[in-house]
Amino acid sequence: MRENGNVDSDRETLLDERAAARFLGICPRKLWGLANKGVVPFIRIGVKSKRYSQKDLEDFIAASRQRSPEPAGTQQDDVV
């Protein structure tokens, strides 16, 4: 605990499978598949339970973000 009585804010927020899936906007089954393929990192708790770091999920979202390609013929040449 810190001096002001609050729990240390450096502590990682862990989400269960349903909460993590809701955070990502996907169904739990899709999250389960992504985790088992190693695409989304998780923390194993016991034999069956998994927890997902909110920071890891945010990083996954950032890494998955794609820009839409420029339509053909609209790309500008690099100006030197």
N, C-alpha and C. Protein backbone atom coordinates (compact mmCIF):
# COMPACT_ATOMS: atom_id res chain seq x y z
N MET A 1 0.83 -1.19 0.00
CA MET A 1 0.00 0.00 0.00
C MET A 1 0.87 1.25 0.00
N ARG A 2 0.34 2.26 -0.56
CA ARG A 2 1.05 3.53 -0.58
C ARG A 2 0.70 4.33 0.66
N GLU A 3 1.36 5.46 0.82
CA GLU A 3 1.15 6.30 1.98
C GLU A 3 -0.30 6.76 2.10
N ASN A 4 -0.96 7.02 0.99
CA ASN A 4 -2.33 7.53 1.04
C ASN A 4 -3.36 6.42 1.23
N GLY A 5 -2.90 5.17 1.39
CA GLY A 5 -3.81 4.06 1.65
C GLY A 5 -4.33 3.37 0.41
N ASN A 6 -3.98 3.85 -0.78
CA ASN A 6 -4.43 3.20 -2.01
C ASN A 6 -3.50 2.06 -2.37
N VAL A 7 -4.06 1.04 -3.00
CA VAL A 7 -3.25 -0.07 -3.48
C VAL A 7 -2.34 0.43 -4.57
N ASP A 8 -1.15 -0.11 -4.64
CA ASP A 8 -0.15 0.31 -5.62
C ASP A 8 -0.74 0.28 -7.03
N SER A 9 -0.69 1.39 -7.74
CA SER A 9 -1.28 1.48 -9.08
C SER A 9 -0.44 0.76 -10.13
N ASP A 10 0.78 0.32 -9.76
CA ASP A 10 1.62 -0.42 -10.70
C ASP A 10 1.15 -1.85 -10.85
N ARG A 11 0.23 -2.26 -10.04
CA ARG A 11 -0.27 -3.63 -10.07
C ARG A 11 -1.04 -3.87 -11.36
N GLU A 12 -0.81 -5.02 -11.97
CA GLU A 12 -1.42 -5.35 -13.25
C GLU A 12 -2.88 -5.77 -13.07
N THR A 13 -3.75 -5.30 -13.96
CA THR A 13 -5.14 -5.71 -13.94
C THR A 13 -5.28 -6.99 -14.75
N LEU A 14 -5.80 -8.04 -14.11
CA LEU A 14 -6.01 -9.33 -14.78
C LEU A 14 -7.50 -9.55 -14.99
N LEU A 15 -7.85 -10.01 -16.19
CA LEU A 15 -9.25 -10.26 -16.54
C LEU A 15 -9.46 -11.74 -16.78
N ASP A 16 -10.64 -12.23 -16.37
CA ASP A 16 -10.95 -13.62 -16.70
C ASP A 16 -11.33 -13.69 -18.18
N GLU A 17 -11.61 -14.90 -18.66
CA GLU A 17 -11.83 -15.09 -20.10
C GLU A 17 -13.03 -14.29 -20.62
N ARG A 18 -14.11 -14.27 -19.88
CA ARG A 18 -15.29 -13.53 -20.35
C ARG A 18 -15.03 -12.03 -20.39
N ALA A 19 -14.40 -11.51 -19.34
CA ALA A 19 -14.12 -10.08 -19.29
C ALA A 19 -13.12 -9.68 -20.38
N ALA A 20 -12.12 -10.52 -20.61
CA ALA A 20 -11.12 -10.24 -21.64
C ALA A 20 -11.78 -10.26 -23.02
N ALA A 21 -12.64 -11.23 -23.26
CA ALA A 21 -13.34 -11.30 -24.55
C ALA A 21 -14.22 -10.07 -24.74
N ARG A 22 -14.91 -9.66 -23.70
CA ARG A 22 -15.75 -8.46 -23.76
C ARG A 22 -14.88 -7.23 -24.06
N PHE A 23 -13.72 -7.15 -23.41
CA PHE A 23 -12.78 -6.04 -23.62
C PHE A 23 -12.36 -5.96 -25.09
N LEU A 24 -12.13 -7.13 -25.71
CA LEU A 24 -11.71 -7.17 -27.11
C LEU A 24 -12.89 -7.09 -28.09
N GLY A 25 -14.10 -7.29 -27.59
CA GLY A 25 -15.27 -7.25 -28.46
C GLY A 25 -15.44 -8.51 -29.28
N ILE A 26 -14.99 -9.64 -28.73
CA ILE A 26 -15.12 -10.93 -29.40
C ILE A 26 -15.76 -11.92 -28.44
N CYS A 27 -16.17 -13.07 -28.96
CA CYS A 27 -16.76 -14.09 -28.10
C CYS A 27 -15.64 -14.85 -27.36
N PRO A 28 -15.96 -15.41 -26.19
CA PRO A 28 -14.95 -16.15 -25.43
C PRO A 28 -14.32 -17.30 -26.22
N ARG A 29 -15.08 -17.94 -27.08
CA ARG A 29 -14.54 -19.05 -27.87
C ARG A 29 -13.44 -18.55 -28.82
N LYS A 30 -13.65 -17.40 -29.43
CA LYS A 30 -12.64 -16.81 -30.32
C LYS A 30 -11.38 -16.46 -29.53
N LEU A 31 -11.55 -15.90 -28.34
CA LEU A 31 -10.41 -15.57 -27.49
C LEU A 31 -9.66 -16.84 -27.11
N TRP A 32 -10.39 -17.89 -26.76
CA TRP A 32 -9.79 -19.17 -26.40
C TRP A 32 -8.91 -19.67 -27.54
N GLY A 33 -9.41 -19.58 -28.77
CA GLY A 33 -8.65 -20.02 -29.94
C GLY A 33 -7.40 -19.18 -30.16
N LEU A 34 -7.53 -17.86 -30.03
CA LEU A 34 -6.38 -16.98 -30.21
C LEU A 34 -5.32 -17.23 -29.14
N ALA A 35 -5.76 -17.48 -27.91
CA ALA A 35 -4.81 -17.75 -26.82
C ALA A 35 -4.10 -19.08 -27.05
N ASN A 36 -4.83 -20.09 -27.47
CA ASN A 36 -4.22 -21.41 -27.69
C ASN A 36 -3.27 -21.42 -28.88
N LYS A 37 -3.46 -20.49 -29.82
CA LYS A 37 -2.53 -20.37 -30.96
C LYS A 37 -1.32 -19.52 -30.59
N GLY A 38 -1.34 -18.89 -29.42
CA GLY A 38 -0.23 -18.04 -28.99
C GLY A 38 -0.32 -16.62 -29.50
N VAL A 39 -1.46 -16.25 -30.05
CA VAL A 39 -1.63 -14.91 -30.60
C VAL A 39 -1.89 -13.90 -29.49
N VAL A 40 -2.68 -14.29 -28.50
CA VAL A 40 -2.98 -13.44 -27.35
C VAL A 40 -2.33 -14.07 -26.12
N PRO A 41 -1.45 -13.33 -25.44
CA PRO A 41 -0.79 -13.89 -24.26
C PRO A 41 -1.76 -14.04 -23.08
N PHE A 42 -1.49 -15.02 -22.24
CA PHE A 42 -2.32 -15.24 -21.05
C PHE A 42 -1.46 -15.75 -19.92
N ILE A 43 -2.04 -15.73 -18.74
CA ILE A 43 -1.39 -16.24 -17.54
C ILE A 43 -2.20 -17.43 -17.06
N ARG A 44 -1.55 -18.55 -16.88
CA ARG A 44 -2.24 -19.76 -16.44
C ARG A 44 -2.39 -19.70 -14.92
N ILE A 45 -3.62 -19.88 -14.45
CA ILE A 45 -3.92 -19.96 -13.02
C ILE A 45 -4.48 -21.34 -12.78
N GLY A 46 -3.72 -22.19 -12.14
CA GLY A 46 -4.17 -23.56 -11.92
C GLY A 46 -4.13 -24.35 -13.21
N VAL A 47 -4.95 -25.39 -13.28
CA VAL A 47 -4.94 -26.28 -14.44
C VAL A 47 -5.77 -25.73 -15.59
N LYS A 48 -6.94 -25.18 -15.30
CA LYS A 48 -7.86 -24.77 -16.37
C LYS A 48 -8.00 -23.27 -16.55
N SER A 49 -7.81 -22.52 -15.51
CA SER A 49 -8.11 -21.08 -15.56
C SER A 49 -7.00 -20.28 -16.24
N LYS A 50 -7.42 -19.30 -17.01
CA LYS A 50 -6.51 -18.37 -17.65
C LYS A 50 -6.91 -16.96 -17.24
N ARG A 51 -5.94 -16.10 -17.13
CA ARG A 51 -6.19 -14.69 -16.90
C ARG A 51 -5.43 -13.91 -17.96
N TYR A 52 -5.97 -12.78 -18.30
CA TYR A 52 -5.41 -11.96 -19.37
C TYR A 52 -5.07 -10.59 -18.80
N SER A 53 -3.86 -10.14 -19.03
CA SER A 53 -3.43 -8.83 -18.60
C SER A 53 -4.08 -7.78 -19.49
N GLN A 54 -4.68 -6.78 -18.86
CA GLN A 54 -5.31 -5.72 -19.65
C GLN A 54 -4.26 -5.01 -20.50
N LYS A 55 -3.07 -4.85 -20.00
CA LYS A 55 -1.97 -4.23 -20.76
C LYS A 55 -1.64 -5.08 -21.99
N ASP A 56 -1.56 -6.41 -21.82
CA ASP A 56 -1.30 -7.30 -22.96
C ASP A 56 -2.41 -7.19 -24.01
N LEU A 57 -3.65 -7.08 -23.55
CA LEU A 57 -4.77 -6.97 -24.49
C LEU A 57 -4.71 -5.64 -25.24
N GLU A 58 -4.34 -4.57 -24.54
CA GLU A 58 -4.19 -3.28 -25.20
C GLU A 58 -3.06 -3.33 -26.22
N ASP A 59 -1.96 -4.01 -25.88
CA ASP A 59 -0.84 -4.16 -26.82
C ASP A 59 -1.27 -4.99 -28.03
N PHE A 60 -2.08 -6.03 -27.80
CA PHE A 60 -2.59 -6.87 -28.89
C PHE A 60 -3.44 -6.02 -29.85
N ILE A 61 -4.29 -5.17 -29.28
CA ILE A 61 -5.13 -4.30 -30.10
C ILE A 61 -4.26 -3.36 -30.92
N ALA A 62 -3.27 -2.75 -30.29
CA ALA A 62 -2.38 -1.82 -30.99
C ALA A 62 -1.62 -2.52 -32.12
N ALA A 63 -1.15 -3.72 -31.85
CA ALA A 63 -0.39 -4.47 -32.87
C ALA A 63 -1.30 -4.95 -34.00
N SER A 64 -2.57 -5.14 -33.72
CA SER A 64 -3.52 -5.63 -34.73
C SER A 64 -4.11 -4.51 -35.57
N ARG A 65 -3.91 -3.29 -35.13
CA ARG A 65 -4.49 -2.15 -35.83
C ARG A 65 -3.92 -2.06 -37.23
N GLN A 66 -4.79 -1.90 -38.20
CA GLN A 66 -4.35 -1.81 -39.59
C GLN A 66 -4.89 -0.53 -40.19
N ARG A 67 -4.08 0.04 -41.03
CA ARG A 67 -4.54 1.21 -41.78
C ARG A 67 -5.12 0.71 -43.09
N SER A 68 -6.17 1.36 -43.53
CA SER A 68 -6.72 0.96 -44.82
C SER A 68 -5.78 1.46 -45.91
N PRO A 69 -5.57 0.65 -46.92
CA PRO A 69 -4.66 1.06 -48.00
C PRO A 69 -5.25 2.22 -48.78
N GLU A 70 -4.36 3.01 -49.33
CA GLU A 70 -4.79 4.12 -50.19
C GLU A 70 -5.41 3.55 -51.46
N PRO A 71 -6.51 4.10 -51.92
CA PRO A 71 -7.08 3.63 -53.19
C PRO A 71 -6.06 3.80 -54.31
N ALA A 72 -6.11 2.93 -55.30
CA ALA A 72 -5.16 2.96 -56.43
C ALA A 72 -5.20 4.32 -57.10
N GLY A 73 -4.02 4.83 -57.40
CA GLY A 73 -3.92 6.09 -58.11
C GLY A 73 -3.94 7.32 -57.22
N THR A 74 -4.10 7.15 -55.90
CA THR A 74 -4.16 8.32 -55.02
C THR A 74 -2.91 8.48 -54.18
N GLN A 75 -1.97 7.56 -54.31
CA GLN A 75 -0.73 7.66 -53.53
C GLN A 75 0.11 8.79 -54.08
N GLN A 76 0.65 9.59 -53.17
CA GLN A 76 1.51 10.70 -53.59
C GLN A 76 2.95 10.22 -53.60
N ASP A 77 3.70 10.68 -54.58
CA ASP A 77 5.12 10.37 -54.63
C ASP A 77 5.82 11.08 -53.49
N ASP A 78 6.84 10.44 -52.94
CA ASP A 78 7.61 11.08 -51.88
C ASP A 78 8.28 12.32 -52.41
N VAL A 79 8.14 13.40 -51.69
CA VAL A 79 8.77 14.65 -52.07
C VAL A 79 10.05 14.77 -51.29
N VAL A 80 11.15 15.02 -52.00
CA VAL A 80 12.45 15.10 -51.34
C VAL A 80 12.79 16.53 -51.05
